[in-house]
Amino acid sequence: MNIDAKLAAPAKPDLGQGRPGSAGRSGWTFLRRAIALTVSGSLAALVLTAALPPLVADQSDRAVIDAPVTLLTAPIDGEVTSLKAAPGAALDPHSQVAEIVNSRVDRATLIALEGKQDDTAENLQAIRARRSSDEQYIHTLGDQIARQTAITEARYEQQIVELRGQVGAAGAVAEEKRQIVDHHTDMVARGVASPELVRNATQQLAGAQFEQQSADAKLAEKQAQLDSARKGIFVGDDVHDLAATIQKKRDMEFDVQRLAIEETQVSSALQNQIGLRDAERTRLASLERSNVQVPGPGEVIYVGASAGRHVAAGDTLARMVDCRAAFVVAIFSYRQGTNMTPGTRVTIDAGSSGVSDGTVTEVLPKTSDKVDETYALPFPQTERRELYVLVKPDRPLRRVSATGGELCDIGRWVTITDAAGWAPSTSVLWRSAGAGLNRAARAVRTTASTAWTSLEETVVGSADAAPEPRGARRRSR
């Protein structure tokens, strides 16, 4: 029987305990049990390490570097003529980032305001012209009234002089009549004349006294008219024209006052319209061209526009962050909320960016989309019974760029460890173990590759150094 037949023949069952087959089967059973126990233990350890440590771990690798974001938005619609922002570029405060030009601006409002301003200016000029004309006319009337008043006063004075003469003459006549009455009374008393003479003389005395009183009244009237004329009051038919002229002057003065008030109102309206026109011009100038400036220092992390692109008002041109305000958002179990209180010192492991210290500044049970919009990155998603721990690093976390410069390290996942903690995170341990195995595998692969290369070199060198067979030398001869 050959070897192939032996291998193909079925094995006979081993019924004896002392036969060689019984020992092999016992070893195989032990091996299966060992494998089952190993797998079960590994699964149990994996479940325990996945469920229990996160509840009590003082370490979390679910932490990301974040920072408040500053949006550089387009204030107007238009085309971007220049854009100086680039990802990773550091910008100084109040430096110009972009220039936007809009050549299609609606000027209808400005045209309407300018039309109203021209109408108001013309109305104001007309009011001022009428006021100036009325003032000149009032000045002419004043001169005319002054001349007529002087003439009237001179006439009154002359009439008063005449009336004083009449009063004096009437007084002399009355005195003469009184003497005649006294003489006739004396003659009647002596019986020389009849009583009729006394009666006639008495009547003549009364008439002379009445004439004196009339002259006194006219004199008093003229004196009163003179005093009124000197005060600007003219009463009488002889001064009717002068009184009408004075009344006309007063009406014109009222018109001038009304025009002055109207001029003030129109002038104020014109100033308001000029202000509105200037404001509209300023607004149009801001809509035609706008320069976007940086409100504060920071680094650009995203650019959403380019030169020559049309943007609408409110579009984001770039997003920037201030690395000095960067912080770490870490997720811990709610059981660690009492340990991770504000002021707790922690260690931040940022991998290639190095290890630094930090301080817990805030503990948040949850966040919202509106709050996430104010940061460069949204907060990581939490599971049930987890909370956010915000950590402020002692120094800005920066990374080295491909060009050799330093950039703000936003978005890097880091590991946060409580400085006074003792329970590590399972995920960190598994990652460390995986990294160690990878390094060991690379080392073994490198060692094997080196050994195989050395073996090949040795074999090739031995083959080259071996002597040539004799038959070959005879055949060559």
Protein backbone atom coordinates (compact mmCIF):
# COMPACT_ATOMS: atom_id res chain seq x y z
CA MET A 1 0.00 0.00 0.00
CA ASN A 2 1.43 3.32 -0.98
CA ILE A 3 1.46 6.54 1.00
CA ASP A 4 -1.53 8.07 -0.81
CA ALA A 5 -3.68 5.07 -0.01
CA LYS A 6 -2.77 5.29 3.61
CA LEU A 7 -3.75 8.91 3.76
CA ALA A 8 -7.02 8.25 1.97
CA ALA A 9 -8.02 5.36 4.24
CA PRO A 10 -10.52 6.31 6.98
CA ALA A 11 -9.26 6.35 10.49
CA LYS A 12 -10.60 3.66 12.76
CA PRO A 13 -12.25 4.70 15.94
CA ASP A 14 -10.11 4.47 19.02
CA LEU A 15 -12.07 2.65 21.66
CA GLY A 16 -9.31 2.21 24.15
CA GLN A 17 -8.33 4.81 26.74
CA GLY A 18 -4.66 4.13 26.46
CA ARG A 19 -4.35 4.45 22.75
CA PRO A 20 -2.56 7.38 21.11
CA GLY A 21 -5.81 8.82 19.57
CA SER A 22 -7.36 9.37 23.00
CA ALA A 23 -4.60 11.78 24.04
CA GLY A 24 -4.99 13.83 20.83
CA ARG A 25 -8.72 14.18 21.32
CA SER A 26 -8.29 15.34 24.91
CA GLY A 27 -5.78 17.98 23.77
CA TRP A 28 -8.14 19.25 21.08
CA THR A 29 -11.01 19.54 23.63
CA PHE A 30 -8.79 21.45 26.01
CA LEU A 31 -7.74 23.78 23.21
CA ARG A 32 -11.35 24.48 22.25
CA ARG A 33 -12.29 25.19 25.85
CA ALA A 34 -9.32 27.51 26.24
CA ILE A 35 -10.26 29.39 23.07
CA ALA A 36 -13.90 29.69 24.23
CA LEU A 37 -12.84 30.95 27.65
CA THR A 38 -10.43 33.43 26.06
CA VAL A 39 -13.08 34.79 23.68
CA SER A 40 -15.68 34.98 26.47
CA GLY A 41 -13.27 36.72 28.78
CA SER A 42 -12.26 39.15 26.03
CA LEU A 43 -15.90 39.96 25.25
CA ALA A 44 -16.68 40.39 28.95
CA ALA A 45 -13.65 42.63 29.40
CA LEU A 46 -14.61 44.58 26.32
CA VAL A 47 -18.17 45.10 27.55
CA LEU A 48 -17.00 46.09 31.02
CA THR A 49 -14.35 48.42 29.70
CA ALA A 50 -16.86 49.97 27.29
CA ALA A 51 -19.63 50.53 29.85
CA LEU A 52 -18.05 50.99 33.27
CA PRO A 53 -14.95 53.22 32.74
CA PRO A 54 -16.77 56.07 30.97
CA LEU A 55 -18.87 56.50 34.10
CA VAL A 56 -15.90 56.89 36.41
CA ALA A 57 -13.04 57.77 34.02
CA ASP A 58 -11.16 60.98 34.75
CA GLN A 59 -10.02 61.07 31.15
CA SER A 60 -11.81 61.73 27.86
CA ASP A 61 -10.60 61.59 24.29
CA ARG A 62 -13.94 62.91 23.02
CA ALA A 63 -12.65 66.46 23.14
CA VAL A 64 -12.11 68.89 20.30
CA ILE A 65 -10.42 72.28 20.10
CA ASP A 66 -12.93 75.02 19.32
CA ALA A 67 -13.06 78.81 19.34
CA PRO A 68 -15.59 81.63 18.91
CA VAL A 69 -15.95 82.45 15.23
CA THR A 70 -16.06 85.89 13.67
CA LEU A 71 -17.94 86.14 10.39
CA LEU A 72 -16.72 88.56 7.76
CA THR A 73 -19.88 89.20 5.73
CA ALA A 74 -20.64 91.27 2.66
CA PRO A 75 -22.41 94.50 3.69
CA ILE A 76 -23.79 95.16 0.19
CA ASP A 77 -24.63 93.38 -3.03
CA GLY A 78 -21.94 93.52 -5.69
CA GLU A 79 -18.82 92.00 -7.12
CA VAL A 80 -15.74 91.24 -5.07
CA THR A 81 -12.93 93.22 -6.69
CA SER A 82 -10.23 92.20 -4.22
CA LEU A 83 -9.95 89.59 -1.47
CA LYS A 84 -6.88 89.44 0.76
CA ALA A 85 -8.07 86.69 3.11
CA ALA A 86 -6.53 83.23 2.77
CA PRO A 87 -6.90 80.15 4.99
CA GLY A 88 -4.40 80.32 7.81
CA ALA A 89 -3.59 84.01 7.26
CA ALA A 90 -3.24 86.15 10.37
CA LEU A 91 -5.13 89.45 10.17
CA ASP A 92 -4.55 92.62 12.15
CA PRO A 93 -7.41 94.70 13.62
CA HIS A 94 -9.07 97.14 11.20
CA SER A 95 -7.12 95.77 8.23
CA GLN A 96 -8.95 95.67 4.89
CA VAL A 97 -9.92 92.19 3.80
CA ALA A 98 -12.14 92.69 0.75
CA GLU A 99 -13.55 95.38 -1.50
CA ILE A 100 -17.04 95.09 -3.02
CA VAL A 101 -18.29 97.26 -5.88
CA ASN A 102 -21.92 97.56 -6.99
CA SER A 103 -22.54 99.48 -10.22
CA ARG A 104 -26.31 98.91 -10.23
CA VAL A 105 -27.65 101.16 -7.50
CA ASP A 106 -31.17 102.61 -7.58
CA ARG A 107 -31.00 106.43 -7.48
CA ALA A 108 -34.76 107.14 -7.63
CA THR A 109 -34.89 108.27 -4.00
CA LEU A 110 -31.94 110.62 -4.45
CA ILE A 111 -33.51 112.16 -7.56
CA ALA A 112 -36.81 112.73 -5.72
CA LEU A 113 -35.02 114.31 -2.75
CA GLU A 114 -33.01 116.60 -5.01
CA GLY A 115 -36.24 117.68 -6.80
CA LYS A 116 -37.92 118.53 -3.49
CA GLN A 117 -34.83 120.39 -2.37
CA ASP A 118 -34.82 122.53 -5.56
CA ASP A 119 -38.52 123.39 -5.13
CA THR A 120 -38.01 124.34 -1.49
CA ALA A 121 -34.95 126.44 -2.35
CA GLU A 122 -36.93 128.33 -5.02
CA ASN A 123 -39.80 128.88 -2.58
CA LEU A 124 -37.35 130.20 0.00
CA GLN A 125 -35.85 132.62 -2.51
CA ALA A 126 -39.33 133.89 -3.44
CA ILE A 127 -40.21 134.44 0.23
CA ARG A 128 -36.99 136.33 0.84
CA ALA A 129 -37.58 138.48 -2.24
CA ARG A 130 -41.12 139.35 -1.11
CA ARG A 131 -39.90 140.11 2.38
CA SER A 132 -37.15 142.37 1.06
CA SER A 133 -39.66 144.19 -1.18
CA ASP A 134 -42.11 144.66 1.69
CA GLU A 135 -39.35 145.94 3.95
CA GLN A 136 -38.36 148.51 1.34
CA TYR A 137 -41.98 149.57 0.92
CA ILE A 138 -42.36 149.88 4.70
CA HIS A 139 -39.25 152.04 4.77
CA THR A 140 -40.79 154.30 2.07
CA LEU A 141 -44.07 154.52 3.97
CA GLY A 142 -42.18 155.35 7.13
CA ASP A 143 -40.45 158.28 5.41
CA GLN A 144 -43.77 159.47 3.99
CA ILE A 145 -45.50 159.18 7.35
CA ALA A 146 -42.66 161.05 9.04
CA ARG A 147 -42.99 163.94 6.58
CA GLN A 148 -46.79 164.07 6.86
CA THR A 149 -46.56 163.83 10.64
CA ALA A 150 -44.17 166.76 10.74
CA ILE A 151 -46.49 168.80 8.53
CA THR A 152 -49.51 167.90 10.65
CA GLU A 153 -47.75 168.77 13.87
CA ALA A 154 -46.66 172.11 12.41
CA ARG A 155 -50.24 172.85 11.33
CA TYR A 156 -51.55 171.92 14.77
CA GLU A 157 -49.02 174.14 16.43
CA GLN A 158 -50.05 177.03 14.16
CA GLN A 159 -53.70 176.43 14.89
CA ILE A 160 -52.99 176.31 18.59
CA VAL A 161 -51.28 179.67 18.36
CA GLU A 162 -54.31 181.11 16.56
CA LEU A 163 -56.70 179.57 19.07
CA ARG A 164 -54.71 180.99 21.94
CA GLY A 165 -55.14 184.43 20.34
CA GLN A 166 -58.84 183.83 19.99
CA VAL A 167 -59.04 182.72 23.60
CA GLY A 168 -57.23 185.87 24.67
CA ALA A 169 -59.50 188.09 22.56
CA ALA A 170 -62.60 186.35 23.87
CA GLY A 171 -61.34 186.87 27.39
CA ALA A 172 -60.78 190.59 26.77
CA VAL A 173 -64.26 190.98 25.31
CA ALA A 174 -65.77 189.14 28.27
CA GLU A 175 -63.84 191.36 30.67
CA GLU A 176 -65.08 194.46 28.82
CA LYS A 177 -68.64 193.23 28.97
CA ARG A 178 -68.24 192.59 32.69
CA GLN A 179 -67.11 196.17 33.27
CA ILE A 180 -70.07 197.47 31.27
CA VAL A 181 -72.43 195.36 33.37
CA ASP A 182 -70.85 196.70 36.55
CA HIS A 183 -71.13 200.29 35.27
CA HIS A 184 -74.78 199.89 34.28
CA THR A 185 -75.54 198.22 37.60
CA ASP A 186 -74.02 201.17 39.39
CA MET A 187 -76.01 203.63 37.29
CA VAL A 188 -79.22 201.73 37.95
CA ALA A 189 -78.43 201.74 41.63
CA ARG A 190 -78.08 205.53 41.54
CA GLY A 191 -81.28 205.80 39.53
CA VAL A 192 -79.57 207.29 36.52
CA ALA A 193 -80.25 204.45 34.05
CA SER A 194 -83.03 202.03 33.55
CA PRO A 195 -82.76 198.35 34.45
CA GLU A 196 -83.06 197.45 30.76
CA LEU A 197 -79.49 198.52 30.18
CA VAL A 198 -78.26 196.10 32.84
CA ARG A 199 -80.25 193.27 31.30
CA ASN A 200 -78.76 193.88 27.84
CA ALA A 201 -75.24 194.23 29.21
CA THR A 202 -75.63 190.98 31.17
CA GLN A 203 -76.71 189.10 28.04
CA GLN A 204 -73.76 190.47 26.09
CA LEU A 205 -71.42 189.37 28.97
CA ALA A 206 -72.88 185.86 28.81
CA GLY A 207 -72.34 185.71 25.04
CA ALA A 208 -68.74 186.87 25.45
CA GLN A 209 -68.13 184.19 28.10
CA PHE A 210 -69.59 181.49 25.83
CA GLU A 211 -67.27 182.54 23.04
CA GLN A 212 -64.33 182.38 25.47
CA GLN A 213 -65.33 178.85 26.52
CA SER A 214 -65.66 177.82 22.87
CA ALA A 215 -62.21 179.17 22.12
CA ASP A 216 -60.79 177.33 25.16
CA ALA A 217 -62.43 174.06 23.99
CA LYS A 218 -61.00 174.40 20.50
CA LEU A 219 -57.61 175.17 21.96
CA ALA A 220 -57.78 172.09 24.21
CA GLU A 221 -58.89 169.97 21.23
CA LYS A 222 -55.99 171.11 19.08
CA GLN A 223 -53.61 170.59 21.94
CA ALA A 224 -54.91 167.02 22.35
CA GLN A 225 -54.58 166.41 18.60
CA LEU A 226 -51.02 167.67 18.70
CA ASP A 227 -50.18 165.37 21.60
CA SER A 228 -51.80 162.41 19.79
CA ALA A 229 -49.90 163.20 16.59
CA ARG A 230 -46.66 163.27 18.52
CA LYS A 231 -47.59 159.79 19.89
CA GLY A 232 -48.45 158.48 16.44
CA ILE A 233 -52.22 158.60 16.89
CA PHE A 234 -54.12 160.59 14.30
CA VAL A 235 -57.81 161.31 14.72
CA GLY A 236 -59.85 163.61 12.53
CA ASP A 237 -60.96 164.09 9.00
CA ASP A 238 -58.00 166.25 8.14
CA VAL A 239 -55.57 163.37 8.97
CA HIS A 240 -57.61 160.53 7.49
CA ASP A 241 -55.11 159.90 4.69
CA LEU A 242 -52.23 159.90 7.16
CA ALA A 243 -54.06 157.44 9.43
CA ALA A 244 -54.74 155.18 6.44
CA THR A 245 -51.05 155.32 5.49
CA ILE A 246 -50.03 154.41 9.04
CA GLN A 247 -52.51 151.49 9.07
CA LYS A 248 -51.14 150.29 5.75
CA LYS A 249 -47.63 150.39 7.15
CA ARG A 250 -48.72 148.34 10.13
CA ASP A 251 -50.36 145.76 7.85
CA MET A 252 -47.17 145.55 5.82
CA GLU A 253 -45.15 145.05 9.00
CA PHE A 254 -47.45 142.17 9.95
CA ASP A 255 -46.94 140.69 6.49
CA VAL A 256 -43.18 140.99 6.91
CA GLN A 257 -43.38 139.17 10.25
CA ARG A 258 -45.48 136.46 8.68
CA LEU A 259 -42.97 136.14 5.83
CA ALA A 260 -40.14 135.94 8.38
CA ILE A 261 -41.88 133.07 10.15
CA GLU A 262 -42.57 131.37 6.84
CA GLU A 263 -38.96 131.90 5.81
CA THR A 264 -37.79 130.25 9.01
CA GLN A 265 -40.07 127.28 8.43
CA VAL A 266 -39.06 126.86 4.80
CA SER A 267 -35.39 127.30 5.70
CA SER A 268 -35.70 124.58 8.35
CA ALA A 269 -37.45 122.31 5.85
CA LEU A 270 -34.66 123.01 3.34
CA GLN A 271 -32.01 122.08 5.91
CA ASN A 272 -33.84 118.84 6.66
CA GLN A 273 -34.06 118.04 2.97
CA ILE A 274 -30.36 118.80 2.54
CA GLY A 275 -29.62 116.43 5.42
CA LEU A 276 -31.77 113.72 3.85
CA ARG A 277 -30.09 114.27 0.49
CA ASP A 278 -26.61 114.04 2.04
CA ALA A 279 -27.63 110.92 3.96
CA GLU A 280 -28.96 109.36 0.77
CA ARG A 281 -25.76 110.23 -1.05
CA THR A 282 -23.75 108.66 1.76
CA ARG A 283 -25.97 105.60 1.64
CA LEU A 284 -25.56 105.28 -2.12
CA ALA A 285 -21.81 105.73 -1.76
CA SER A 286 -21.75 102.92 0.80
CA LEU A 287 -23.86 100.77 -1.54
CA GLU A 288 -21.65 101.49 -4.53
CA ARG A 289 -18.39 100.60 -2.82
CA SER A 290 -17.67 98.99 0.51
CA ASN A 291 -14.48 97.92 2.23
CA VAL A 292 -14.72 94.98 4.62
CA GLN A 293 -12.45 95.41 7.63
CA VAL A 294 -11.42 93.03 10.37
CA PRO A 295 -13.04 93.91 13.73
CA GLY A 296 -10.25 92.30 15.75
CA PRO A 297 -7.14 90.13 15.50
CA GLY A 298 -7.51 86.55 14.35
CA GLU A 299 -6.73 83.86 11.81
CA VAL A 300 -8.76 82.91 8.76
CA ILE A 301 -10.07 79.34 8.84
CA TYR A 302 -12.46 79.47 5.87
CA VAL A 303 -12.84 81.61 2.74
CA GLY A 304 -16.24 81.56 1.04
CA ALA A 305 -15.68 83.98 -1.84
CA SER A 306 -13.15 84.89 -4.49
CA ALA A 307 -12.24 87.92 -6.57
CA GLY A 308 -14.74 88.56 -9.35
CA ARG A 309 -17.58 86.68 -7.68
CA HIS A 310 -20.99 88.33 -7.18
CA VAL A 311 -22.17 88.23 -3.58
CA ALA A 312 -25.37 89.29 -1.86
CA ALA A 313 -25.61 91.35 1.28
CA GLY A 314 -25.02 89.10 4.27
CA ASP A 315 -23.04 86.42 2.41
CA THR A 316 -20.08 85.08 4.35
CA LEU A 317 -16.78 86.11 2.81
CA ALA A 318 -14.57 84.46 5.41
CA ARG A 319 -14.61 82.96 8.89
CA MET A 320 -11.89 83.79 11.37
CA VAL A 321 -11.04 82.87 14.93
CA ASP A 322 -8.83 84.34 17.62
CA CYS A 323 -6.48 81.62 18.78
CA ARG A 324 -6.14 83.35 22.15
CA ALA A 325 -9.83 82.66 22.77
CA ALA A 326 -9.62 78.98 21.79
CA PHE A 327 -10.91 76.38 24.24
CA VAL A 328 -11.49 72.63 24.39
CA VAL A 329 -14.95 71.05 24.42
CA ALA A 330 -14.77 67.69 26.21
CA ILE A 331 -17.53 65.16 26.90
CA PHE A 332 -17.65 63.47 30.30
CA SER A 333 -20.17 61.37 32.19
CA TYR A 334 -22.65 63.26 34.31
CA ARG A 335 -21.08 61.52 37.33
CA GLN A 336 -17.92 63.54 36.68
CA GLY A 337 -19.82 66.81 36.88
CA THR A 338 -18.89 67.25 40.54
CA ASN A 339 -15.21 66.55 39.81
CA MET A 340 -14.99 68.76 36.72
CA THR A 341 -16.13 71.94 38.41
CA PRO A 342 -14.93 75.35 37.18
CA GLY A 343 -11.36 75.88 38.31
CA THR A 344 -10.33 72.22 38.05
CA ARG A 345 -6.86 71.79 36.57
CA VAL A 346 -6.55 69.36 33.66
CA THR A 347 -3.95 68.17 31.15
CA ILE A 348 -4.49 68.56 27.40
CA ASP A 349 -2.77 66.01 25.16
CA ALA A 350 -2.88 67.40 21.60
CA GLY A 351 -0.68 64.75 20.04
CA SER A 352 1.86 66.34 17.72
CA SER A 353 0.99 69.80 19.06
CA GLY A 354 2.27 68.77 22.47
CA VAL A 355 0.90 68.53 26.00
CA SER A 356 -0.26 71.57 27.93
CA ASP A 357 -2.23 72.40 31.03
CA GLY A 358 -5.64 74.03 31.24
CA THR A 359 -8.46 75.02 33.56
CA VAL A 360 -12.12 74.06 33.48
CA THR A 361 -14.14 77.24 32.89
CA GLU A 362 -17.69 75.96 32.47
CA VAL A 363 -19.85 72.83 32.60
CA LEU A 364 -22.85 72.65 30.25
CA PRO A 365 -25.54 69.99 30.32
CA LYS A 366 -26.41 70.61 26.67
CA THR A 367 -26.19 73.09 23.82
CA SER A 368 -28.29 74.23 20.85
CA ASP A 369 -27.85 74.86 17.16
CA LYS A 370 -28.08 78.60 17.72
CA VAL A 371 -25.21 78.46 20.19
CA ASP A 372 -23.16 76.21 17.89
CA GLU A 373 -23.39 78.80 15.11
CA THR A 374 -21.27 81.19 17.17
CA TYR A 375 -18.31 78.80 17.23
CA ALA A 376 -15.94 77.56 14.56
CA LEU A 377 -17.14 73.95 15.03
CA PRO A 378 -20.39 72.60 16.44
CA PHE A 379 -20.07 70.86 19.78
CA PRO A 380 -19.70 67.05 19.54
CA GLN A 381 -22.88 65.03 19.93
CA THR A 382 -23.46 63.75 23.45
CA GLU A 383 -25.17 60.58 24.52
CA ARG A 384 -27.57 60.10 27.39
CA ARG A 385 -26.29 61.16 30.81
CA GLU A 386 -23.32 63.07 29.40
CA LEU A 387 -22.35 66.72 29.65
CA TYR A 388 -19.91 69.23 28.18
CA VAL A 389 -16.81 70.44 29.99
CA LEU A 390 -15.19 73.60 28.60
CA VAL A 391 -11.44 73.90 29.21
CA LYS A 392 -9.34 77.02 28.73
CA PRO A 393 -5.70 76.15 27.90
CA ASP A 394 -2.93 78.04 29.62
CA ARG A 395 -1.35 78.80 26.26
CA PRO A 396 -2.79 78.92 22.74
CA LEU A 397 -2.86 75.52 21.07
CA ARG A 398 -1.05 75.84 17.75
CA ARG A 399 0.20 73.42 15.13
CA VAL A 400 3.01 73.58 12.62
CA SER A 401 1.84 74.03 9.02
CA ALA A 402 3.38 72.47 5.93
CA THR A 403 5.32 75.68 5.26
CA GLY A 404 6.85 75.67 8.73
CA GLY A 405 4.65 78.38 10.24
CA GLU A 406 2.32 78.02 13.19
CA LEU A 407 -1.46 77.96 12.76
CA CYS A 408 -4.29 77.97 15.25
CA ASP A 409 -5.10 74.32 15.96
CA ILE A 410 -8.88 74.31 15.53
CA GLY A 411 -10.70 71.01 15.02
CA ARG A 412 -8.06 68.69 16.47
CA TRP A 413 -9.29 65.90 18.72
CA VAL A 414 -7.39 65.89 21.99
CA THR A 415 -7.39 64.01 25.28
CA ILE A 416 -8.40 65.72 28.51
CA THR A 417 -7.16 64.23 31.77
CA ASP A 418 -7.99 65.40 35.28
CA ALA A 419 -4.76 66.40 36.98
CA ALA A 420 -5.94 64.68 40.19
CA GLY A 421 -7.63 61.73 38.44
CA TRP A 422 -6.72 58.07 38.53
CA ALA A 423 -9.22 56.24 36.24
CA PRO A 424 -8.04 56.32 32.60
CA SER A 425 -10.31 56.10 29.59
CA THR A 426 -10.64 52.67 27.98
CA SER A 427 -10.60 54.10 24.49
CA VAL A 428 -7.29 55.79 25.24
CA LEU A 429 -5.88 52.53 26.53
CA TRP A 430 -7.08 50.62 23.49
CA ARG A 431 -5.69 53.28 21.19
CA SER A 432 -2.38 53.23 23.01
CA ALA A 433 -2.31 49.44 22.81
CA GLY A 434 -3.12 49.54 19.11
CA ALA A 435 -0.41 52.10 18.52
CA GLY A 436 2.06 49.91 20.43
CA LEU A 437 1.10 46.86 18.40
CA ASN A 438 1.47 48.82 15.19
CA ARG A 439 4.92 49.99 16.23
CA ALA A 440 5.87 46.42 17.19
CA ALA A 441 4.55 45.07 13.88
CA ARG A 442 6.49 47.70 11.98
CA ALA A 443 9.61 46.86 13.95
CA VAL A 444 9.17 43.13 13.27
CA ARG A 445 8.51 43.79 9.61
CA THR A 446 11.57 45.98 9.39
CA THR A 447 13.71 43.38 11.21
CA ALA A 448 12.43 40.55 8.98
CA SER A 449 13.02 42.57 5.86
CA THR A 450 16.57 43.38 7.00
CA ALA A 451 17.28 39.73 7.87
CA TRP A 452 15.88 38.48 4.56
CA THR A 453 17.99 41.01 2.67
CA SER A 454 21.10 39.90 4.55
CA LEU A 455 20.26 36.24 3.83
CA GLU A 456 19.84 36.93 0.14
CA GLU A 457 23.14 38.77 0.04
CA THR A 458 24.84 35.84 1.81
CA VAL A 459 23.33 33.24 -0.53
CA VAL A 460 24.23 35.19 -3.62
CA GLY A 461 27.77 35.77 -2.36
CA SER A 462 28.21 32.03 -1.61
CA ALA A 463 26.99 31.09 -5.08
CA ASP A 464 29.42 33.50 -6.69
CA ALA A 465 32.31 32.14 -4.64
CA ALA A 466 31.60 28.36 -5.37
CA PRO A 467 34.22 26.52 -7.75
CA GLU A 468 33.20 25.64 -11.29
CA PRO A 469 32.55 21.91 -11.96
CA ARG A 470 35.33 19.95 -13.83
CA GLY A 471 33.11 18.69 -16.59
CA ALA A 472 32.13 22.22 -17.36
CA ARG A 473 35.79 23.18 -17.61
CA ARG A 474 36.51 20.27 -19.99
CA ARG A 475 33.51 21.19 -22.10
CA SER A 476 34.69 24.75 -22.23
CA ARG A 477 38.07 23.53 -23.44
